[in-house]
């Protein structure tokens, strides 16, 4: 049984299926968020971007997941469940993770639309 004062941390997971749609070869990505042991948000969507890079596809999916995390944190704050620590988002693509952290690597990826670099700001702010 959970105590009403117990703090639950928001954790996210994201994954992508590069060109996995059998109908049109679109990319499909999904995310799931847990608050404690409960799933509170999830989605599976097609990505309508053209790319030859699985890194870009994973980076875009992770950025979309990060945007959902920001929204969920605001909702939780409004419900008096303010998150005291950063929300971790787990991604299984090491290149996408490196791209979100490394400014030198970022300069080599200027072809990625700047709106997807929002995640870099979130990572640098903790």
Protein backbone atom coordinates (compact mmCIF):
# COMPACT_ATOMS: atom_id res chain seq x y z
CA UNK A 1 0.00 0.00 0.00
CA UNK A 2 1.33 3.46 -0.92
CA UNK A 3 1.55 6.22 1.63
CA UNK A 4 -0.16 9.39 0.42
CA UNK A 5 3.04 11.37 0.98
CA UNK A 6 5.22 9.03 -1.08
CA UNK A 7 6.88 10.83 -4.00
CA UNK A 8 6.59 9.11 -7.36
CA UNK A 9 8.97 10.02 -10.14
CA UNK A 10 7.92 10.39 -13.77
CA UNK A 11 9.94 8.13 -16.11
CA UNK A 12 9.61 7.84 -19.88
CA UNK A 13 10.61 5.26 -22.48
CA UNK A 14 10.72 5.78 -26.23
CA UNK A 15 11.32 3.49 -29.19
CA UNK A 16 11.16 3.67 -32.94
CA UNK A 17 10.63 1.28 -35.82
CA UNK A 18 12.67 2.70 -38.72
CA UNK A 19 10.70 2.27 -41.98
CA UNK A 20 8.75 -0.49 -40.29
CA UNK A 21 5.27 0.14 -41.71
CA UNK A 22 4.46 -2.60 -44.21
CA UNK A 23 1.97 -0.36 -46.05
CA UNK A 24 4.11 2.70 -46.74
CA UNK A 25 7.52 2.18 -45.07
CA UNK A 26 6.86 5.09 -42.71
CA UNK A 27 8.60 5.18 -39.35
CA UNK A 28 6.56 4.34 -36.29
CA UNK A 29 7.48 5.56 -32.83
CA UNK A 30 6.01 5.14 -29.41
CA UNK A 31 6.44 6.23 -25.85
CA UNK A 32 5.21 5.27 -22.44
CA UNK A 33 5.38 7.17 -19.15
CA UNK A 34 5.28 5.68 -15.69
CA UNK A 35 4.53 7.51 -12.48
CA UNK A 36 5.74 5.11 -9.84
CA UNK A 37 4.50 1.71 -10.98
CA UNK A 38 1.51 3.09 -12.94
CA UNK A 39 1.44 3.81 -16.67
CA UNK A 40 -0.09 7.28 -17.06
CA UNK A 41 0.53 8.10 -20.75
CA UNK A 42 1.39 6.20 -23.89
CA UNK A 43 1.20 6.57 -27.65
CA UNK A 44 2.18 4.90 -30.89
CA UNK A 45 2.30 7.12 -33.97
CA UNK A 46 3.61 7.27 -37.50
CA UNK A 47 6.41 9.74 -38.16
CA UNK A 48 5.88 11.55 -41.41
CA UNK A 49 9.48 12.56 -42.04
CA UNK A 50 11.76 11.49 -44.84
CA UNK A 51 15.19 10.33 -43.75
CA UNK A 52 17.87 7.82 -44.53
CA UNK A 53 19.16 7.90 -40.96
CA UNK A 54 17.88 5.83 -38.07
CA UNK A 55 19.65 8.32 -35.78
CA UNK A 56 17.49 11.18 -37.03
CA UNK A 57 14.33 9.11 -36.66
CA UNK A 58 15.21 8.13 -33.07
CA UNK A 59 16.25 11.72 -32.26
CA UNK A 60 12.92 13.07 -33.52
CA UNK A 61 11.00 10.39 -31.58
CA UNK A 62 12.92 11.19 -28.40
CA UNK A 63 12.27 14.91 -28.85
CA UNK A 64 8.54 14.22 -29.23
CA UNK A 65 8.68 12.12 -26.07
CA UNK A 66 10.48 14.95 -24.25
CA UNK A 67 7.72 17.38 -25.27
CA UNK A 68 5.17 14.99 -23.78
CA UNK A 69 7.26 14.83 -20.59
CA UNK A 70 7.22 18.63 -20.29
CA UNK A 71 3.42 18.64 -20.69
CA UNK A 72 2.96 15.82 -18.15
CA UNK A 73 5.16 17.62 -15.62
CA UNK A 74 2.98 20.73 -15.99
CA UNK A 75 -0.18 18.66 -15.49
CA UNK A 76 1.30 16.98 -12.42
CA UNK A 77 2.34 20.36 -11.04
CA UNK A 78 -1.24 21.57 -11.46
CA UNK A 79 -2.41 18.49 -9.55
CA UNK A 80 0.00 19.36 -6.69
CA UNK A 81 2.30 16.47 -7.64
CA UNK A 82 5.33 18.59 -8.57
CA UNK A 83 8.28 16.48 -9.69
CA UNK A 84 11.33 17.18 -7.54
CA UNK A 85 13.88 15.56 -9.84
CA UNK A 86 14.43 15.50 -13.60
CA UNK A 87 12.39 13.12 -15.71
CA UNK A 88 14.53 10.39 -17.27
CA UNK A 89 13.66 9.31 -20.80
CA UNK A 90 15.17 6.04 -21.92
CA UNK A 91 16.10 5.64 -25.59
CA UNK A 92 17.89 2.63 -27.10
CA UNK A 93 19.80 4.52 -29.83
CA UNK A 94 23.27 5.57 -28.68
CA UNK A 95 23.73 7.98 -31.60
CA UNK A 96 20.50 9.81 -30.76
CA UNK A 97 21.57 10.02 -27.12
CA UNK A 98 24.97 11.38 -28.12
CA UNK A 99 23.33 13.91 -30.43
CA UNK A 100 21.19 15.21 -27.57
CA UNK A 101 24.27 15.76 -25.39
CA UNK A 102 27.18 16.66 -27.67
CA UNK A 103 27.38 20.11 -29.29
CA UNK A 104 30.19 19.07 -31.65
CA UNK A 105 28.14 16.15 -32.94
CA UNK A 106 25.19 18.54 -33.21
CA UNK A 107 27.09 20.74 -35.67
CA UNK A 108 27.46 17.76 -38.01
CA UNK A 109 23.68 17.25 -38.01
CA UNK A 110 22.47 20.64 -39.23
CA UNK A 111 20.11 18.91 -41.67
CA UNK A 112 17.88 17.99 -38.72
CA UNK A 113 15.16 20.62 -38.41
CA UNK A 114 15.94 23.01 -35.56
CA UNK A 115 12.60 22.34 -33.86
CA UNK A 116 13.88 18.87 -32.99
CA UNK A 117 16.88 20.31 -31.12
CA UNK A 118 14.52 21.30 -28.27
CA UNK A 119 15.68 18.14 -26.51
CA UNK A 120 19.25 19.49 -26.38
CA UNK A 121 18.02 22.44 -24.34
CA UNK A 122 16.15 20.13 -21.98
CA UNK A 123 19.19 17.88 -21.50
CA UNK A 124 21.51 20.83 -20.82
CA UNK A 125 19.03 22.20 -18.26
CA UNK A 126 18.86 18.87 -16.45
